[in-house]
Amino acid sequence: MKLSWTWALFLFSALPLAAQELEPGAYSISPVGVNIVVASYNFSEGDVTFDPALPVEDAVATIHTTIFSYVRSVNVLGRSGNTAIVAPYSVGHLEGLYVGEFTEVDRSGFRDPLVRFSVNLYGAPAMDLKEFASYRQRTNVGVSLLAALPLGEYDPTKLINLGSNRFSFKPEIGLSHAFAKWTVEVYGGIWLFTDNQDFFGGKTREQAPLSSVQLHVLYTFKPRLWLAVDANYYRGGQTKVDGRLNLDFQKNSRLGATFSYPLGPRQSLKVAFSRGAYTTIGADFTSVVAGYQVLWGAGL
């Protein structure tokens, strides 16, 4: 059976998005001039919940995503900061019942890349390697801006695309407090979306802001060897197509854990597990992530 364009759109818009992220240590500090390269693999599988007006049942998705990231620590007017570039590539299989008939689809390609800039405003000045060796964190406050660029695979004549054909921006503030071997982190941000004016069939697709909050509690056994418990909640993001409001307002949350293990003085392995705790509309995925990290520079 031919795939409904509405279902096709929702299936791939329900892939693991940045709103679902659980990222402990997003505002961690490094000496100025440190470079970090991360190669990671994300496996996600689970149910997809739709607008109740759509005749879709038993929808499930399996998504494999390879992500390459580059981060550089920088000096921002005497404060510590960093810049980052993230490039994801996904392979996905989605299936379910549409009007009672089995339907499936496969897609692969580059997703929209992400760029991020962050700076710590309080508690973490820019430091060289010698200064950093004696640094002990207490309370840090940082801000960041994350942007998704419309460079992913997109063809307005196709029902299904991995790219979004729009810009997305997420300003965020993060608070991190350390005591003894424990660190508590709270982030709050909001995704803002431009319109996709070349949506399938020559339509315009709009999306309302999507707010999100993350909470992380970390225990550090020794430098770069730590375990974190993670949670998030995101709300909003309702869409319109040519002014017609869809019933896809999101109120979702995820729970997970992250473990970091050093493989040497400049390498580490990070693994994470998360699953949906509460999902109204969107992807109720169980996800497993494994990442390999290498750093250099700043005299390391």
C-alpha atoms as a PDB file:
ATOM      1  CA  MET A   1       0.000   0.000   0.000  1.00  0.00           C
ATOM      2  CA  LYS A   2       1.222   3.509  -0.750  1.00  0.00           C
ATOM      3  CA  LEU A   3       2.532   5.305   2.335  1.00  0.00           C
ATOM      4  CA  SER A   4       0.457   8.273   3.540  1.00  0.00           C
ATOM      5  CA  TRP A   5       2.492  11.491   3.306  1.00  0.00           C
ATOM      6  CA  THR A   6       1.282  12.513   6.778  1.00  0.00           C
ATOM      7  CA  TRP A   7       2.462   9.253   8.298  1.00  0.00           C
ATOM      8  CA  ALA A   8       5.753   9.349   6.389  1.00  0.00           C
ATOM      9  CA  LEU A   9       6.493  12.840   7.675  1.00  0.00           C
ATOM     10  CA  PHE A  10       5.708  11.927  11.248  1.00  0.00           C
ATOM     11  CA  LEU A  11       7.695   8.723  11.210  1.00  0.00           C
ATOM     12  CA  PHE A  12      10.929  10.421  10.292  1.00  0.00           C
ATOM     13  CA  SER A  13      10.277  13.542  12.336  1.00  0.00           C
ATOM     14  CA  ALA A  14      10.008  11.109  15.274  1.00  0.00           C
ATOM     15  CA  LEU A  15      13.584   9.886  14.913  1.00  0.00           C
ATOM     16  CA  PRO A  16      15.791  10.671  17.961  1.00  0.00           C
ATOM     17  CA  LEU A  17      15.927  14.459  17.883  1.00  0.00           C
ATOM     18  CA  ALA A  18      18.011  16.907  19.825  1.00  0.00           C
ATOM     19  CA  ALA A  19      15.017  17.583  22.048  1.00  0.00           C
ATOM     20  CA  GLN A  20      15.389  14.043  23.351  1.00  0.00           C
ATOM     21  CA  GLU A  21      19.071  14.375  24.170  1.00  0.00           C
ATOM     22  CA  LEU A  22      20.540  13.343  27.518  1.00  0.00           C
ATOM     23  CA  GLU A  23      24.006  14.867  27.601  1.00  0.00           C
ATOM     24  CA  PRO A  24      25.811  14.987  30.964  1.00  0.00           C
ATOM     25  CA  GLY A  25      28.889  17.197  31.062  1.00  0.00           C
ATOM     26  CA  ALA A  26      27.680  19.519  28.302  1.00  0.00           C
ATOM     27  CA  TYR A  27      29.218  22.479  30.171  1.00  0.00           C
ATOM     28  CA  SER A  28      32.372  20.735  31.406  1.00  0.00           C
ATOM     29  CA  ILE A  29      35.668  22.636  31.298  1.00  0.00           C
ATOM     30  CA  SER A  30      38.851  21.924  29.310  1.00  0.00           C
ATOM     31  CA  PRO A  31      42.118  23.879  28.936  1.00  0.00           C
ATOM     32  CA  VAL A  32      42.060  26.406  26.101  1.00  0.00           C
ATOM     33  CA  GLY A  33      43.229  24.813  22.861  1.00  0.00           C
ATOM     34  CA  VAL A  34      42.097  21.245  23.562  1.00  0.00           C
ATOM     35  CA  ASN A  35      40.587  19.434  20.559  1.00  0.00           C
ATOM     36  CA  ILE A  36      38.172  16.532  20.951  1.00  0.00           C
ATOM     37  CA  VAL A  37      36.973  14.134  18.252  1.00  0.00           C
ATOM     38  CA  VAL A  38      34.150  11.705  19.036  1.00  0.00           C
ATOM     39  CA  ALA A  39      32.838   8.842  16.906  1.00  0.00           C
ATOM     40  CA  SER A  40      29.635   7.314  18.262  1.00  0.00           C
ATOM     41  CA  TYR A  41      26.927   4.851  17.301  1.00  0.00           C
ATOM     42  CA  ASN A  42      23.301   5.135  18.426  1.00  0.00           C
ATOM     43  CA  PHE A  43      20.828   2.260  18.191  1.00  0.00           C
ATOM     44  CA  SER A  44      17.205   3.197  18.859  1.00  0.00           C
ATOM     45  CA  GLU A  45      14.129   1.011  18.698  1.00  0.00           C
ATOM     46  CA  GLY A  46      10.556   1.392  19.867  1.00  0.00           C
ATOM     47  CA  ASP A  47       6.997   2.531  19.292  1.00  0.00           C
ATOM     48  CA  VAL A  48       5.876   5.706  17.569  1.00  0.00           C
ATOM     49  CA  THR A  49       2.713   7.489  18.758  1.00  0.00           C
ATOM     50  CA  PHE A  50       0.746   9.629  16.297  1.00  0.00           C
ATOM     51  CA  ASP A  51      -1.835  12.354  16.044  1.00  0.00           C
ATOM     52  CA  PRO A  52      -5.005  10.549  17.246  1.00  0.00           C
ATOM     53  CA  ALA A  53      -6.797  11.661  14.055  1.00  0.00           C
ATOM     54  CA  LEU A  54      -4.505   9.481  11.914  1.00  0.00           C
ATOM     55  CA  PRO A  55      -5.534   5.860  11.144  1.00  0.00           C
ATOM     56  CA  VAL A  56      -2.165   4.440  12.242  1.00  0.00           C
ATOM     57  CA  GLU A  57      -1.645   1.466  14.563  1.00  0.00           C
ATOM     58  CA  ASP A  58       1.254  -0.612  15.886  1.00  0.00           C
ATOM     59  CA  ALA A  59       3.926   1.675  14.443  1.00  0.00           C
ATOM     60  CA  VAL A  60       7.510   0.732  15.349  1.00  0.00           C
ATOM     61  CA  ALA A  61      10.900   2.018  14.236  1.00  0.00           C
ATOM     62  CA  THR A  62      14.493   0.793  14.274  1.00  0.00           C
ATOM     63  CA  ILE A  63      17.126   3.491  13.738  1.00  0.00           C
ATOM     64  CA  HIS A  64      20.916   3.167  13.426  1.00  0.00           C
ATOM     65  CA  THR A  65      22.794   6.475  13.601  1.00  0.00           C
ATOM     66  CA  THR A  66      26.529   7.109  13.262  1.00  0.00           C
ATOM     67  CA  ILE A  67      27.680  10.476  14.600  1.00  0.00           C
ATOM     68  CA  PHE A  68      31.008  12.259  14.175  1.00  0.00           C
ATOM     69  CA  SER A  69      31.698  15.278  16.407  1.00  0.00           C
ATOM     70  CA  TYR A  70      34.516  17.787  16.739  1.00  0.00           C
ATOM     71  CA  VAL A  71      34.874  20.099  19.768  1.00  0.00           C
ATOM     72  CA  ARG A  72      37.497  22.769  20.470  1.00  0.00           C
ATOM     73  CA  SER A  73      37.963  24.591  23.763  1.00  0.00           C
ATOM     74  CA  VAL A  74      38.325  28.363  23.328  1.00  0.00           C
ATOM     75  CA  ASN A  75      38.942  31.563  25.300  1.00  0.00           C
ATOM     76  CA  VAL A  76      35.898  33.882  25.171  1.00  0.00           C
ATOM     77  CA  LEU A  77      36.890  37.237  26.684  1.00  0.00           C
ATOM     78  CA  GLY A  78      38.642  35.484  29.561  1.00  0.00           C
ATOM     79  CA  ARG A  79      35.916  32.872  30.082  1.00  0.00           C
ATOM     80  CA  SER A  80      36.126  29.201  29.134  1.00  0.00           C
ATOM     81  CA  GLY A  81      34.037  28.120  26.155  1.00  0.00           C
ATOM     82  CA  ASN A  82      33.902  25.698  23.274  1.00  0.00           C
ATOM     83  CA  THR A  83      32.684  25.276  19.729  1.00  0.00           C
ATOM     84  CA  ALA A  84      31.360  22.029  18.277  1.00  0.00           C
ATOM     85  CA  ILE A  85      30.270  20.497  14.960  1.00  0.00           C
ATOM     86  CA  VAL A  86      28.126  17.339  14.836  1.00  0.00           C
ATOM     87  CA  ALA A  87      27.438  15.297  11.676  1.00  0.00           C
ATOM     88  CA  PRO A  88      24.855  12.435  11.942  1.00  0.00           C
ATOM     89  CA  TYR A  89      24.106   9.703   9.375  1.00  0.00           C
ATOM     90  CA  SER A  90      21.037   7.492   9.881  1.00  0.00           C
ATOM     91  CA  VAL A  91      19.706   4.209   8.528  1.00  0.00           C
ATOM     92  CA  GLY A  92      16.103   3.543   9.526  1.00  0.00           C
ATOM     93  CA  HIS A  93      13.331   0.982   9.099  1.00  0.00           C
ATOM     94  CA  LEU A  94       9.765   1.911  10.023  1.00  0.00           C
ATOM     95  CA  GLU A  95       6.610  -0.183   9.816  1.00  0.00           C
ATOM     96  CA  GLY A  96       3.033  -0.371  11.035  1.00  0.00           C
ATOM     97  CA  LEU A  97      -0.618  -0.551  10.048  1.00  0.00           C
ATOM     98  CA  TYR A  98      -2.142   2.286   8.029  1.00  0.00           C
ATOM     99  CA  VAL A  99      -5.918   1.970   7.539  1.00  0.00           C
ATOM    100  CA  GLY A 100      -5.519  -1.642   8.649  1.00  0.00           C
ATOM    101  CA  GLU A 101      -2.886  -2.557   6.044  1.00  0.00           C
ATOM    102  CA  PHE A 102       0.794  -3.269   6.719  1.00  0.00           C
ATOM    103  CA  THR A 103       3.151  -0.555   5.474  1.00  0.00           C
ATOM    104  CA  GLU A 104       6.934  -0.223   5.796  1.00  0.00           C
ATOM    105  CA  VAL A 105       9.674   2.085   4.597  1.00  0.00           C
ATOM    106  CA  ASP A 106      13.497   2.215   4.697  1.00  0.00           C
ATOM    107  CA  ARG A 107      15.660   5.311   4.453  1.00  0.00           C
ATOM    108  CA  SER A 108      19.358   6.177   4.838  1.00  0.00           C
ATOM    109  CA  GLY A 109      21.364   9.363   4.527  1.00  0.00           C
ATOM    110  CA  PHE A 110      22.794  12.380   6.286  1.00  0.00           C
ATOM    111  CA  ARG A 111      20.628  14.189   8.815  1.00  0.00           C
ATOM    112  CA  ASP A 112      20.857  17.944   9.410  1.00  0.00           C
ATOM    113  CA  PRO A 113      24.261  18.771  10.974  1.00  0.00           C
ATOM    114  CA  LEU A 114      24.488  20.664  14.265  1.00  0.00           C
ATOM    115  CA  VAL A 115      26.808  23.479  15.339  1.00  0.00           C
ATOM    116  CA  ARG A 116      27.118  24.629  18.951  1.00  0.00           C
ATOM    117  CA  PHE A 117      28.787  27.491  20.784  1.00  0.00           C
ATOM    118  CA  SER A 118      28.930  27.637  24.592  1.00  0.00           C
ATOM    119  CA  VAL A 119      30.594  29.820  27.215  1.00  0.00           C
ATOM    120  CA  ASN A 120      30.785  29.589  30.997  1.00  0.00           C
ATOM    121  CA  LEU A 121      29.764  32.910  32.501  1.00  0.00           C
ATOM    122  CA  TYR A 122      30.447  32.096  36.141  1.00  0.00           C
ATOM    123  CA  GLY A 123      32.898  29.838  37.969  1.00  0.00           C
ATOM    124  CA  ALA A 124      35.214  28.766  35.151  1.00  0.00           C
ATOM    125  CA  PRO A 125      37.672  31.257  33.639  1.00  0.00           C
ATOM    126  CA  ALA A 126      39.706  30.361  30.574  1.00  0.00           C
ATOM    127  CA  MET A 127      42.754  28.332  31.709  1.00  0.00           C
ATOM    128  CA  ASP A 128      45.915  26.885  30.239  1.00  0.00           C
ATOM    129  CA  LEU A 129      47.015  23.345  31.106  1.00  0.00           C
ATOM    130  CA  LYS A 130      49.008  24.363  34.211  1.00  0.00           C
ATOM    131  CA  GLU A 131      46.124  26.413  35.646  1.00  0.00           C
ATOM    132  CA  PHE A 132      43.641  23.682  34.822  1.00  0.00           C
ATOM    133  CA  ALA A 133      45.676  21.098  36.774  1.00  0.00           C
ATOM    134  CA  SER A 134      44.861  22.934  40.026  1.00  0.00           C
ATOM    135  CA  TYR A 135      41.233  23.820  39.114  1.00  0.00           C
ATOM    136  CA  ARG A 136      38.511  22.416  41.358  1.00  0.00           C
ATOM    137  CA  GLN A 137      34.933  22.990  40.270  1.00  0.00           C
ATOM    138  CA  ARG A 138      32.308  24.392  42.609  1.00  0.00           C
ATOM    139  CA  THR A 139      29.402  26.180  40.875  1.00  0.00           C
ATOM    140  CA  ASN A 140      29.441  26.967  37.147  1.00  0.00           C
ATOM    141  CA  VAL A 141      26.839  28.745  35.049  1.00  0.00           C
ATOM    142  CA  GLY A 142      27.039  28.521  31.272  1.00  0.00           C
ATOM    143  CA  VAL A 143      25.008  29.424  28.207  1.00  0.00           C
ATOM    144  CA  SER A 144      24.969  27.919  24.738  1.00  0.00           C
ATOM    145  CA  LEU A 145      23.397  28.214  21.308  1.00  0.00           C
ATOM    146  CA  LEU A 146      22.783  25.079  19.257  1.00  0.00           C
ATOM    147  CA  ALA A 147      21.737  25.313  15.602  1.00  0.00           C
ATOM    148  CA  ALA A 148      20.531  22.623  13.203  1.00  0.00           C
ATOM    149  CA  LEU A 149      21.400  23.513   9.605  1.00  0.00           C
ATOM    150  CA  PRO A 150      19.143  22.471   6.683  1.00  0.00           C
ATOM    151  CA  LEU A 151      21.846  20.447   4.909  1.00  0.00           C
ATOM    152  CA  GLY A 152      20.474  16.939   5.396  1.00  0.00           C
ATOM    153  CA  GLU A 153      18.989  14.812   2.650  1.00  0.00           C
ATOM    154  CA  TYR A 154      15.833  16.556   1.403  1.00  0.00           C
ATOM    155  CA  ASP A 155      13.760  16.356  -1.778  1.00  0.00           C
ATOM    156  CA  PRO A 156      10.375  18.170  -1.778  1.00  0.00           C
ATOM    157  CA  THR A 157       9.018  15.701  -4.359  1.00  0.00           C
ATOM    158  CA  LYS A 158       9.538  12.770  -1.966  1.00  0.00           C
ATOM    159  CA  LEU A 159       7.232  11.752   0.831  1.00  0.00           C
ATOM    160  CA  ILE A 160      10.093  10.915   3.223  1.00  0.00           C
ATOM    161  CA  ASN A 161      13.188  12.980   4.006  1.00  0.00           C
ATOM    162  CA  LEU A 162      15.929  12.816   6.621  1.00  0.00           C
ATOM    163  CA  GLY A 163      16.587  16.550   6.422  1.00  0.00           C
ATOM    164  CA  SER A 164      14.091  19.139   7.685  1.00  0.00           C
ATOM    165  CA  ASN A 165      14.615  21.926   5.090  1.00  0.00           C
ATOM    166  CA  ARG A 166      14.555  24.598   7.810  1.00  0.00           C
ATOM    167  CA  PHE A 167      16.778  26.144  10.449  1.00  0.00           C
ATOM    168  CA  SER A 168      16.343  25.242  14.120  1.00  0.00           C
ATOM    169  CA  PHE A 169      17.923  27.060  17.074  1.00  0.00           C
ATOM    170  CA  LYS A 170      18.185  26.160  20.738  1.00  0.00           C
ATOM    171  CA  PRO A 171      19.400  28.762  23.275  1.00  0.00           C
ATOM    172  CA  GLU A 172      20.094  27.122  26.630  1.00  0.00           C
ATOM    173  CA  ILE A 173      21.391  27.880  30.126  1.00  0.00           C
ATOM    174  CA  GLY A 174      23.179  25.290  32.264  1.00  0.00           C
ATOM    175  CA  LEU A 175      23.932  25.163  35.997  1.00  0.00           C
ATOM    176  CA  SER A 176      26.522  22.717  37.379  1.00  0.00           C
ATOM    177  CA  HIS A 177      27.437  22.299  41.050  1.00  0.00           C
ATOM    178  CA  ALA A 178      30.141  19.933  42.369  1.00  0.00           C
ATOM    179  CA  PHE A 179      30.674  18.755  45.929  1.00  0.00           C
ATOM    180  CA  ALA A 180      33.138  15.992  46.864  1.00  0.00           C
ATOM    181  CA  LYS A 181      32.807  13.385  44.090  1.00  0.00           C
ATOM    182  CA  TRP A 182      29.257  14.349  43.148  1.00  0.00           C
ATOM    183  CA  THR A 183      28.101  16.803  40.466  1.00  0.00           C
ATOM    184  CA  VAL A 184      24.529  17.954  39.842  1.00  0.00           C
ATOM    185  CA  GLU A 185      23.657  19.551  36.509  1.00  0.00           C
ATOM    186  CA  VAL A 186      20.450  21.264  35.337  1.00  0.00           C
ATOM    187  CA  TYR A 187      19.944  22.614  31.809  1.00  0.00           C
ATOM    188  CA  GLY A 188      16.962  24.524  30.452  1.00  0.00           C
ATOM    189  CA  GLY A 189      16.440  25.503  26.828  1.00  0.00           C
ATOM    190  CA  ILE A 190      13.931  26.025  24.035  1.00  0.00           C
ATOM    191  CA  TRP A 191      13.969  24.932  20.388  1.00  0.00           C
ATOM    192  CA  LEU A 192      12.859  27.589  17.891  1.00  0.00           C
ATOM    193  CA  PHE A 193      12.030  26.619  14.297  1.00  0.00           C
ATOM    194  CA  THR A 194      11.826  28.474  11.007  1.00  0.00           C
ATOM    195  CA  ASP A 195       9.159  27.364   8.509  1.00  0.00           C
ATOM    196  CA  ASN A 196       9.679  24.717   5.847  1.00  0.00           C
ATOM    197  CA  GLN A 197       8.232  26.602   2.868  1.00  0.00           C
ATOM    198  CA  ASP A 198       8.864  23.786   0.398  1.00  0.00           C
ATOM    199  CA  PHE A 199       7.047  20.986   2.170  1.00  0.00           C
ATOM    200  CA  PHE A 200       5.647  18.043   0.177  1.00  0.00           C
ATOM    201  CA  GLY A 201       2.987  19.164  -2.286  1.00  0.00           C
ATOM    202  CA  GLY A 202       4.111  22.803  -2.188  1.00  0.00           C
ATOM    203  CA  LYS A 203       2.821  23.345   1.336  1.00  0.00           C
ATOM    204  CA  THR A 204       4.281  25.309   4.275  1.00  0.00           C
ATOM    205  CA  ARG A 205       4.993  23.492   7.522  1.00  0.00           C
ATOM    206  CA  GLU A 206       5.327  25.459  10.781  1.00  0.00           C
ATOM    207  CA  GLN A 207       6.295  24.249  14.255  1.00  0.00           C
ATOM    208  CA  ALA A 208       5.747  25.942  17.614  1.00  0.00           C
ATOM    209  CA  PRO A 209       8.640  26.270  20.110  1.00  0.00           C
ATOM    210  CA  LEU A 210       9.646  23.126  22.009  1.00  0.00           C
ATOM    211  CA  SER A 211      10.954  23.662  25.557  1.00  0.00           C
ATOM    212  CA  SER A 212      13.228  21.164  27.294  1.00  0.00           C
ATOM    213  CA  VAL A 213      14.932  20.596  30.634  1.00  0.00           C
ATOM    214  CA  GLN A 214      17.648  18.092  31.576  1.00  0.00           C
ATOM    215  CA  LEU A 215      18.817  16.841  34.984  1.00  0.00           C
ATOM    216  CA  HIS A 216      22.039  14.865  35.565  1.00  0.00           C
ATOM    217  CA  VAL A 217      23.622  13.503  38.730  1.00  0.00           C
ATOM    218  CA  LEU A 218      27.231  12.353  38.276  1.00  0.00           C
ATOM    219  CA  TYR A 219      29.588  10.437  40.533  1.00  0.00           C
ATOM    220  CA  THR A 220      33.290  10.683  39.620  1.00  0.00           C
ATOM    221  CA  PHE A 221      35.467   7.747  40.687  1.00  0.00           C
ATOM    222  CA  LYS A 222      38.590   9.392  39.253  1.00  0.00           C
ATOM    223  CA  PRO A 223      39.296  11.797  36.362  1.00  0.00           C
ATOM    224  CA  ARG A 224      37.315  10.735  33.258  1.00  0.00           C
ATOM    225  CA  LEU A 225      35.894   7.690  35.076  1.00  0.00           C
ATOM    226  CA  TRP A 226      32.338   8.579  36.055  1.00  0.00           C
ATOM    227  CA  LEU A 227      28.740   7.399  36.105  1.00  0.00           C
ATOM    228  CA  ALA A 228      25.679   9.615  35.572  1.00  0.00           C
ATOM    229  CA  VAL A 229      21.926   9.193  36.008  1.00  0.00           C
ATOM    230  CA  ASP A 230      20.019  11.284  33.462  1.00  0.00           C
ATOM    231  CA  ALA A 231      16.471  12.587  32.951  1.00  0.00           C
ATOM    232  CA  ASN A 232      14.759  15.078  30.680  1.00  0.00           C
ATOM    233  CA  TYR A 233      11.344  16.534  29.862  1.00  0.00           C
ATOM    234  CA  TYR A 234      10.253  18.378  26.746  1.00  0.00           C
ATOM    235  CA  ARG A 235       6.954  20.087  25.939  1.00  0.00           C
ATOM    236  CA  GLY A 236       5.375  21.835  22.960  1.00  0.00           C
ATOM    237  CA  GLY A 237       6.355  21.597  19.305  1.00  0.00           C
ATOM    238  CA  GLN A 238       2.838  21.467  17.802  1.00  0.00           C
ATOM    239  CA  THR A 239       2.849  21.750  14.001  1.00  0.00           C
ATOM    240  CA  LYS A 240       0.719  23.329  11.255  1.00  0.00           C
ATOM    241  CA  VAL A 241       0.595  22.511   7.538  1.00  0.00           C
ATOM    242  CA  ASP A 242      -0.782  25.396   5.434  1.00  0.00           C
ATOM    243  CA  GLY A 243      -2.350  26.791   8.601  1.00  0.00           C
ATOM    244  CA  ARG A 244      -4.072  23.525   9.581  1.00  0.00           C
ATOM    245  CA  LEU A 245      -3.234  22.645  13.182  1.00  0.00           C
ATOM    246  CA  ASN A 246      -2.110  19.055  13.827  1.00  0.00           C
ATOM    247  CA  LEU A 247      -2.863  17.256  17.098  1.00  0.00           C
ATOM    248  CA  ASP A 248       0.803  16.598  17.872  1.00  0.00           C
ATOM    249  CA  PHE A 249       1.533  18.666  21.004  1.00  0.00           C
ATOM    250  CA  GLN A 250       4.375  16.858  22.834  1.00  0.00           C
ATOM    251  CA  LYS A 251       4.731  16.195  26.573  1.00  0.00           C
ATOM    252  CA  ASN A 252       7.495  13.584  26.752  1.00  0.00           C
ATOM    253  CA  SER A 253      10.335  12.539  29.045  1.00  0.00           C
ATOM    254  CA  ARG A 254      13.252  10.096  29.071  1.00  0.00           C
ATOM    255  CA  LEU A 255      15.375   8.406  31.732  1.00  0.00           C
ATOM    256  CA  GLY A 256      18.859   6.995  31.293  1.00  0.00           C
ATOM    257  CA  ALA A 257      22.395   6.436  32.515  1.00  0.00           C
ATOM    258  CA  THR A 258      25.839   7.286  31.095  1.00  0.00           C
ATOM    259  CA  PHE A 259      29.217   5.728  31.910  1.00  0.00           C
ATOM    260  CA  SER A 260      32.629   7.120  30.922  1.00  0.00           C
ATOM    261  CA  TYR A 261      35.775   4.978  31.077  1.00  0.00           C
ATOM    262  CA  PRO A 262      39.326   6.216  30.283  1.00  0.00           C
ATOM    263  CA  LEU A 263      41.315   4.094  27.806  1.00  0.00           C
ATOM    264  CA  GLY A 264      44.513   6.087  28.201  1.00  0.00           C
ATOM    265  CA  PRO A 265      45.721   9.639  28.871  1.00  0.00           C
ATOM    266  CA  ARG A 266      43.974  11.028  25.752  1.00  0.00           C
ATOM    267  CA  GLN A 267      41.270   8.471  24.937  1.00  0.00           C
ATOM    268  CA  SER A 268      38.032   7.351  26.553  1.00  0.00           C
ATOM    269  CA  LEU A 269      34.953   5.239  25.931  1.00  0.00           C
ATOM    270  CA  LYS A 270      31.442   6.400  26.757  1.00  0.00           C
ATOM    271  CA  VAL A 271      28.322   4.218  26.804  1.00  0.00           C
ATOM    272  CA  ALA A 272      24.748   5.309  27.525  1.00  0.00           C
ATOM    273  CA  PHE A 273      21.318   3.763  27.821  1.00  0.00           C
ATOM    274  CA  SER A 274      17.968   5.551  27.860  1.00  0.00           C
ATOM    275  CA  ARG A 275      14.293   4.860  27.334  1.00  0.00           C
ATOM    276  CA  GLY A 276      11.052   6.753  27.224  1.00  0.00           C
ATOM    277  CA  ALA A 277       9.524   7.352  30.651  1.00  0.00           C
ATOM    278  CA  TYR A 278       6.412   9.161  29.417  1.00  0.00           C
ATOM    279  CA  THR A 279       5.341   9.767  25.811  1.00  0.00           C
ATOM    280  CA  THR A 280       2.222  11.461  24.460  1.00  0.00           C
ATOM    281  CA  ILE A 281       3.169  12.074  20.815  1.00  0.00           C
ATOM    282  CA  GLY A 282       6.404  11.010  19.142  1.00  0.00           C
ATOM    283  CA  ALA A 283       9.014   8.310  19.599  1.00  0.00           C
ATOM    284  CA  ASP A 284       8.947   6.062  22.661  1.00  0.00           C
ATOM    285  CA  PHE A 285      12.406   4.668  21.986  1.00  0.00           C
ATOM    286  CA  THR A 286      14.873   2.557  23.893  1.00  0.00           C
ATOM    287  CA  SER A 287      18.351   3.761  22.906  1.00  0.00           C
ATOM    288  CA  VAL A 288      21.897   2.480  23.373  1.00  0.00           C
ATOM    289  CA  VAL A 289      24.876   4.687  22.532  1.00  0.00           C
ATOM    290  CA  ALA A 290      28.598   3.861  22.393  1.00  0.00           C
ATOM    291  CA  GLY A 291      31.217   6.531  21.705  1.00  0.00           C
ATOM    292  CA  TYR A 292      35.008   6.656  21.338  1.00  0.00           C
ATOM    293  CA  GLN A 293      36.742   9.957  22.197  1.00  0.00           C
ATOM    294  CA  VAL A 294      40.249  11.235  21.429  1.00  0.00           C
ATOM    295  CA  LEU A 295      41.691  14.577  22.594  1.00  0.00           C
ATOM    296  CA  TRP A 296      44.859  16.506  21.866  1.00  0.00           C
ATOM    297  CA  GLY A 297      46.343  20.002  22.012  1.00  0.00           C
ATOM    298  CA  ALA A 298      47.053  22.565  24.754  1.00  0.00           C
ATOM    299  CA  GLY A 299      50.263  20.722  25.662  1.00  0.00           C
ATOM    300  CA  LEU A 300      48.556  17.438  26.620  1.00  0.00           C
END
